[in-house]
């Protein structure tokens, strides 16, 4: 599942994000969502979140949920 819809993302969820410094390379960073920083219900490049370790980036994939 991608991270473009705010309704799919919540604190405690395991996600892969793209940090600002990794936008060109597309390197993913895995972590647990601490809080959501994007207030819009949808964002084409992914909802911006802060991980529990303090890193900030846009959600590329939601890991913590099984896909049906």
PDB file of N, CA and C in Angstrom:
ATOM      1  N   UNK A   1       0.853  -1.187   0.000  1.00  0.00           N
ATOM      2  CA  UNK A   1       0.000   0.000   0.000  1.00  0.00           C
ATOM      3  C   UNK A   1       0.890   1.237   0.000  1.00  0.00           C
ATOM      4  N   UNK A   2       0.500   2.230  -0.792  1.00  0.00           N
ATOM      5  CA  UNK A   2       1.286   3.458  -0.809  1.00  0.00           C
ATOM      6  C   UNK A   2       0.834   4.398   0.309  1.00  0.00           C
ATOM      7  N   UNK A   3       1.581   5.460   0.520  1.00  0.00           N
ATOM      8  CA  UNK A   3       1.301   6.370   1.629  1.00  0.00           C
ATOM      9  C   UNK A   3       0.738   7.700   1.202  1.00  0.00           C
ATOM     10  N   UNK A   4      -0.151   7.703   0.201  1.00  0.00           N
ATOM     11  CA  UNK A   4      -0.684   8.960  -0.313  1.00  0.00           C
ATOM     12  C   UNK A   4      -1.950   9.426   0.394  1.00  0.00           C
ATOM     13  N   UNK A   5      -2.642   8.516   1.079  1.00  0.00           N
ATOM     14  CA  UNK A   5      -3.885   8.868   1.764  1.00  0.00           C
ATOM     15  C   UNK A   5      -3.665   8.961   3.269  1.00  0.00           C
ATOM     16  N   UNK A   6      -4.017  10.109   3.838  1.00  0.00           N
ATOM     17  CA  UNK A   6      -3.800  10.358   5.259  1.00  0.00           C
ATOM     18  C   UNK A   6      -4.575   9.379   6.139  1.00  0.00           C
ATOM     19  N   UNK A   7      -5.758   8.964   5.662  1.00  0.00           N
ATOM     20  CA  UNK A   7      -6.611   8.066   6.458  1.00  0.00           C
ATOM     21  C   UNK A   7      -5.972   6.700   6.697  1.00  0.00           C
ATOM     22  N   UNK A   8      -4.982   6.325   5.869  1.00  0.00           N
ATOM     23  CA  UNK A   8      -4.330   5.021   5.997  1.00  0.00           C
ATOM     24  C   UNK A   8      -3.140   5.032   6.957  1.00  0.00           C
ATOM     25  N   UNK A   9      -2.753   6.218   7.432  1.00  0.00           N
ATOM     26  CA  UNK A   9      -1.528   6.355   8.227  1.00  0.00           C
ATOM     27  C   UNK A   9      -1.880   6.866   9.616  1.00  0.00           C
ATOM     28  N   UNK A  10      -1.260   6.265  10.632  1.00  0.00           N
ATOM     29  CA  UNK A  10      -1.550   6.647  12.023  1.00  0.00           C
ATOM     30  C   UNK A  10      -0.331   6.342  12.890  1.00  0.00           C
ATOM     31  N   UNK A  11      -0.214   6.993  14.051  1.00  0.00           N
ATOM     32  CA  UNK A  11       0.915   6.737  14.952  1.00  0.00           C
ATOM     33  C   UNK A  11       1.007   5.265  15.331  1.00  0.00           C
ATOM     34  N   UNK A  12       2.233   4.747  15.350  1.00  0.00           N
ATOM     35  CA  UNK A  12       2.463   3.355  15.694  1.00  0.00           C
ATOM     36  C   UNK A  12       2.572   2.444  14.487  1.00  0.00           C
ATOM     37  N   UNK A  13       2.274   2.951  13.299  1.00  0.00           N
ATOM     38  CA  UNK A  13       2.314   2.165  12.072  1.00  0.00           C
ATOM     39  C   UNK A  13       3.743   2.080  11.542  1.00  0.00           C
ATOM     40  N   UNK A  14       4.146   0.906  11.073  1.00  0.00           N
ATOM     41  CA  UNK A  14       5.478   0.736  10.483  1.00  0.00           C
ATOM     42  C   UNK A  14       5.416   1.109   9.001  1.00  0.00           C
ATOM     43  N   UNK A  15       6.317   2.011   8.579  1.00  0.00           N
ATOM     44  CA  UNK A  15       6.308   2.522   7.208  1.00  0.00           C
ATOM     45  C   UNK A  15       7.734   2.632   6.657  1.00  0.00           C
ATOM     46  N   UNK A  16       7.829   2.714   5.343  1.00  0.00           N
ATOM     47  CA  UNK A  16       9.063   3.083   4.661  1.00  0.00           C
ATOM     48  C   UNK A  16       8.876   4.499   4.165  1.00  0.00           C
ATOM     49  N   UNK A  17       9.831   5.382   4.494  1.00  0.00           N
ATOM     50  CA  UNK A  17       9.743   6.769   4.051  1.00  0.00           C
ATOM     51  C   UNK A  17      10.947   7.114   3.182  1.00  0.00           C
ATOM     52  N   UNK A  18      10.791   8.196   2.428  1.00  0.00           N
ATOM     53  CA  UNK A  18      11.901   8.764   1.675  1.00  0.00           C
ATOM     54  C   UNK A  18      12.266  10.086   2.340  1.00  0.00           C
ATOM     55  N   UNK A  19      13.478  10.159   2.852  1.00  0.00           N
ATOM     56  CA  UNK A  19      13.963  11.389   3.474  1.00  0.00           C
ATOM     57  C   UNK A  19      14.260  12.415   2.392  1.00  0.00           C
ATOM     58  N   UNK A  20      14.248  13.699   2.739  1.00  0.00           N
ATOM     59  CA  UNK A  20      14.514  14.771   1.786  1.00  0.00           C
ATOM     60  C   UNK A  20      15.855  14.545   1.081  1.00  0.00           C
ATOM     61  N   UNK A  21      16.880  14.155   1.827  1.00  0.00           N
ATOM     62  CA  UNK A  21      18.215  13.968   1.247  1.00  0.00           C
ATOM     63  C   UNK A  21      18.282  12.756   0.314  1.00  0.00           C
ATOM     64  N   UNK A  22      17.288  11.876   0.396  1.00  0.00           N
ATOM     65  CA  UNK A  22      17.279  10.657  -0.413  1.00  0.00           C
ATOM     66  C   UNK A  22      16.296  10.719  -1.581  1.00  0.00           C
ATOM     67  N   UNK A  23      15.724  11.896  -1.844  1.00  0.00           N
ATOM     68  CA  UNK A  23      14.709  11.984  -2.895  1.00  0.00           C
ATOM     69  C   UNK A  23      15.252  11.597  -4.268  1.00  0.00           C
ATOM     70  N   UNK A  24      16.475  11.982  -4.573  1.00  0.00           N
ATOM     71  CA  UNK A  24      17.042  11.652  -5.889  1.00  0.00           C
ATOM     72  C   UNK A  24      17.348  10.169  -6.011  1.00  0.00           C
ATOM     73  N   UNK A  25      17.896   9.569  -4.965  1.00  0.00           N
ATOM     74  CA  UNK A  25      18.282   8.158  -5.024  1.00  0.00           C
ATOM     75  C   UNK A  25      17.103   7.220  -4.768  1.00  0.00           C
ATOM     76  N   UNK A  26      16.090   7.700  -4.047  1.00  0.00           N
ATOM     77  CA  UNK A  26      14.937   6.866  -3.727  1.00  0.00           C
ATOM     78  C   UNK A  26      15.184   5.889  -2.588  1.00  0.00           C
ATOM     79  N   UNK A  27      16.269   6.098  -1.836  1.00  0.00           N
ATOM     80  CA  UNK A  27      16.590   5.227  -0.702  1.00  0.00           C
ATOM     81  C   UNK A  27      15.485   5.313   0.351  1.00  0.00           C
ATOM     82  N   UNK A  28      15.049   4.148   0.822  1.00  0.00           N
ATOM     83  CA  UNK A  28      13.970   4.094   1.805  1.00  0.00           C
ATOM     84  C   UNK A  28      14.522   3.941   3.217  1.00  0.00           C
ATOM     85  N   UNK A  29      13.820   4.533   4.169  1.00  0.00           N
ATOM     86  CA  UNK A  29      14.149   4.418   5.585  1.00  0.00           C
ATOM     87  C   UNK A  29      12.929   3.855   6.294  1.00  0.00           C
ATOM     88  N   UNK A  30      13.110   2.777   7.043  1.00  0.00           N
ATOM     89  CA  UNK A  30      11.988   2.132   7.735  1.00  0.00           C
ATOM     90  C   UNK A  30      11.901   2.630   9.168  1.00  0.00           C
ATOM     91  N   UNK A  31      10.676   2.833   9.640  1.00  0.00           N
ATOM     92  CA  UNK A  31      10.486   3.262  11.016  1.00  0.00           C
ATOM     93  C   UNK A  31       9.024   3.238  11.414  1.00  0.00           C
ATOM     94  N   UNK A  32       8.787   3.656  12.649  1.00  0.00           N
ATOM     95  CA  UNK A  32       7.440   3.705  13.217  1.00  0.00           C
ATOM     96  C   UNK A  32       6.975   5.159  13.261  1.00  0.00           C
ATOM     97  N   UNK A  33       5.760   5.410  12.780  1.00  0.00           N
ATOM     98  CA  UNK A  33       5.206   6.766  12.741  1.00  0.00           C
ATOM     99  C   UNK A  33       4.983   7.290  14.155  1.00  0.00           C
ATOM    100  N   UNK A  34       5.523   8.487  14.423  1.00  0.00           N
ATOM    101  CA  UNK A  34       5.257   9.164  15.698  1.00  0.00           C
ATOM    102  C   UNK A  34       4.077  10.117  15.515  1.00  0.00           C
ATOM    103  N   UNK A  35       4.144  10.949  14.468  1.00  0.00           N
ATOM    104  CA  UNK A  35       3.006  11.816  14.164  1.00  0.00           C
ATOM    105  C   UNK A  35       3.003  12.213  12.691  1.00  0.00           C
ATOM    106  N   UNK A  36       1.833  12.656  12.231  1.00  0.00           N
ATOM    107  CA  UNK A  36       1.637  13.061  10.843  1.00  0.00           C
ATOM    108  C   UNK A  36       1.857  14.563  10.730  1.00  0.00           C
ATOM    109  N   UNK A  37       2.556  14.974   9.677  1.00  0.00           N
ATOM    110  CA  UNK A  37       2.855  16.388   9.492  1.00  0.00           C
ATOM    111  C   UNK A  37       2.054  17.003   8.344  1.00  0.00           C
ATOM    112  N   UNK A  38       1.515  16.192   7.458  1.00  0.00           N
ATOM    113  CA  UNK A  38       0.683  16.682   6.365  1.00  0.00           C
ATOM    114  C   UNK A  38      -0.760  16.731   6.843  1.00  0.00           C
ATOM    115  N   UNK A  39      -1.399  17.896   6.663  1.00  0.00           N
ATOM    116  CA  UNK A  39      -2.785  18.025   7.108  1.00  0.00           C
ATOM    117  C   UNK A  39      -3.783  17.672   6.013  1.00  0.00           C
ATOM    118  N   UNK A  40      -3.344  17.673   4.749  1.00  0.00           N
ATOM    119  CA  UNK A  40      -4.242  17.338   3.640  1.00  0.00           C
ATOM    120  C   UNK A  40      -4.629  15.859   3.691  1.00  0.00           C
ATOM    121  N   UNK A  41      -5.786  15.533   3.148  1.00  0.00           N
ATOM    122  CA  UNK A  41      -6.241  14.144   3.152  1.00  0.00           C
ATOM    123  C   UNK A  41      -5.500  13.298   2.122  1.00  0.00           C
ATOM    124  N   UNK A  42      -4.892  13.946   1.098  1.00  0.00           N
ATOM    125  CA  UNK A  42      -4.167  13.234   0.043  1.00  0.00           C
ATOM    126  C   UNK A  42      -2.959  14.060  -0.376  1.00  0.00           C
ATOM    127  N   UNK A  43      -1.846  13.392  -0.660  1.00  0.00           N
ATOM    128  CA  UNK A  43      -0.670  14.062  -1.217  1.00  0.00           C
ATOM    129  C   UNK A  43      -0.031  13.139  -2.231  1.00  0.00           C
ATOM    130  N   UNK A  44       0.187  13.628  -3.450  1.00  0.00           N
ATOM    131  CA  UNK A  44       0.652  12.783  -4.550  1.00  0.00           C
ATOM    132  C   UNK A  44       2.029  12.175  -4.312  1.00  0.00           C
ATOM    133  N   UNK A  45       2.890  12.843  -3.532  1.00  0.00           N
ATOM    134  CA  UNK A  45       4.240  12.313  -3.267  1.00  0.00           C
ATOM    135  C   UNK A  45       4.322  11.580  -1.926  1.00  0.00           C
ATOM    136  N   UNK A  46       3.206  11.484  -1.213  1.00  0.00           N
ATOM    137  CA  UNK A  46       3.186  10.775   0.064  1.00  0.00           C
ATOM    138  C   UNK A  46       2.968  11.718   1.227  1.00  0.00           C
ATOM    139  N   UNK A  47       2.305  11.225   2.247  1.00  0.00           N
ATOM    140  CA  UNK A  47       2.035  11.993   3.462  1.00  0.00           C
ATOM    141  C   UNK A  47       3.343  12.146   4.242  1.00  0.00           C
ATOM    142  N   UNK A  48       3.618  13.365   4.682  1.00  0.00           N
ATOM    143  CA  UNK A  48       4.842  13.615   5.445  1.00  0.00           C
ATOM    144  C   UNK A  48       4.614  13.243   6.905  1.00  0.00           C
ATOM    145  N   UNK A  49       5.571  12.481   7.464  1.00  0.00           N
ATOM    146  CA  UNK A  49       5.466  12.011   8.845  1.00  0.00           C
ATOM    147  C   UNK A  49       6.790  12.205   9.575  1.00  0.00           C
ATOM    148  N   UNK A  50       6.712  12.178  10.907  1.00  0.00           N
ATOM    149  CA  UNK A  50       7.898  12.124  11.761  1.00  0.00           C
ATOM    150  C   UNK A  50       7.933  10.730  12.369  1.00  0.00           C
ATOM    151  N   UNK A  51       9.080  10.076  12.254  1.00  0.00           N
ATOM    152  CA  UNK A  51       9.245   8.752  12.848  1.00  0.00           C
ATOM    153  C   UNK A  51       9.578   8.890  14.323  1.00  0.00           C
ATOM    154  N   UNK A  52       9.480   7.793  15.065  1.00  0.00           N
ATOM    155  CA  UNK A  52       9.782   7.813  16.500  1.00  0.00           C
ATOM    156  C   UNK A  52      11.223   8.214  16.772  1.00  0.00           C
ATOM    157  N   UNK A  53      12.140   7.976  15.816  1.00  0.00           N
ATOM    158  CA  UNK A  53      13.541   8.362  16.013  1.00  0.00           C
ATOM    159  C   UNK A  53      13.810   9.812  15.581  1.00  0.00           C
ATOM    160  N   UNK A  54      12.765  10.546  15.172  1.00  0.00           N
ATOM    161  CA  UNK A  54      12.899  11.959  14.848  1.00  0.00           C
ATOM    162  C   UNK A  54      13.087  12.273  13.376  1.00  0.00           C
ATOM    163  N   UNK A  55      13.318  11.274  12.540  1.00  0.00           N
ATOM    164  CA  UNK A  55      13.503  11.520  11.115  1.00  0.00           C
ATOM    165  C   UNK A  55      12.172  11.892  10.467  1.00  0.00           C
ATOM    166  N   UNK A  56      12.235  12.782   9.461  1.00  0.00           N
ATOM    167  CA  UNK A  56      11.043  13.268   8.781  1.00  0.00           C
ATOM    168  C   UNK A  56      11.152  12.952   7.297  1.00  0.00           C
ATOM    169  N   UNK A  57      10.061  12.445   6.746  1.00  0.00           N
ATOM    170  CA  UNK A  57      10.039  12.155   5.322  1.00  0.00           C
ATOM    171  C   UNK A  57       8.635  11.823   4.864  1.00  0.00           C
ATOM    172  N   UNK A  58       8.524  11.517   3.573  1.00  0.00           N
ATOM    173  CA  UNK A  58       7.221  11.182   2.987  1.00  0.00           C
ATOM    174  C   UNK A  58       7.059   9.674   2.895  1.00  0.00           C
ATOM    175  N   UNK A  59       5.869   9.191   3.235  1.00  0.00           N
ATOM    176  CA  UNK A  59       5.604   7.759   3.240  1.00  0.00           C
ATOM    177  C   UNK A  59       5.588   7.236   1.807  1.00  0.00           C
ATOM    178  N   UNK A  60       6.442   6.246   1.543  1.00  0.00           N
ATOM    179  CA  UNK A  60       6.476   5.580   0.245  1.00  0.00           C
ATOM    180  C   UNK A  60       5.638   4.305   0.288  1.00  0.00           C
ATOM    181  N   UNK A  61       5.780   3.538   1.372  1.00  0.00           N
ATOM    182  CA  UNK A  61       5.045   2.278   1.527  1.00  0.00           C
ATOM    183  C   UNK A  61       4.629   2.092   2.971  1.00  0.00           C
ATOM    184  N   UNK A  62       3.478   1.482   3.147  1.00  0.00           N
ATOM    185  CA  UNK A  62       3.014   1.105   4.477  1.00  0.00           C
ATOM    186  C   UNK A  62       3.397  -0.353   4.692  1.00  0.00           C
ATOM    187  N   UNK A  63       4.232  -0.619   5.692  1.00  0.00           N
ATOM    188  CA  UNK A  63       4.739  -1.957   5.945  1.00  0.00           C
ATOM    189  C   UNK A  63       3.897  -2.674   6.978  1.00  0.00           C
ATOM    190  N   UNK A  64       3.402  -1.948   7.963  1.00  0.00           N
ATOM    191  CA  UNK A  64       2.753  -2.530   9.125  1.00  0.00           C
ATOM    192  C   UNK A  64       1.377  -3.081   8.915  1.00  0.00           C
ATOM    193  N   UNK A  65       0.883  -3.141   7.682  1.00  0.00           N
ATOM    194  CA  UNK A  65      -0.434  -3.698   7.413  1.00  0.00           C
ATOM    195  C   UNK A  65      -0.304  -4.748   6.326  1.00  0.00           C
ATOM    196  N   UNK A  66      -1.057  -5.817   6.463  1.00  0.00           N
ATOM    197  CA  UNK A  66      -1.070  -6.828   5.421  1.00  0.00           C
ATOM    198  C   UNK A  66      -2.021  -6.389   4.332  1.00  0.00           C
ATOM    199  N   UNK A  67      -1.613  -6.600   3.075  1.00  0.00           N
ATOM    200  CA  UNK A  67      -2.470  -6.241   1.958  1.00  0.00           C
ATOM    201  C   UNK A  67      -3.405  -7.390   1.647  1.00  0.00           C
ATOM    202  N   UNK A  68      -4.641  -7.066   1.299  1.00  0.00           N
ATOM    203  CA  UNK A  68      -5.633  -8.090   0.969  1.00  0.00           C
ATOM    204  C   UNK A  68      -5.536  -8.459  -0.492  1.00  0.00           C
TER     205      UNK A  68
END
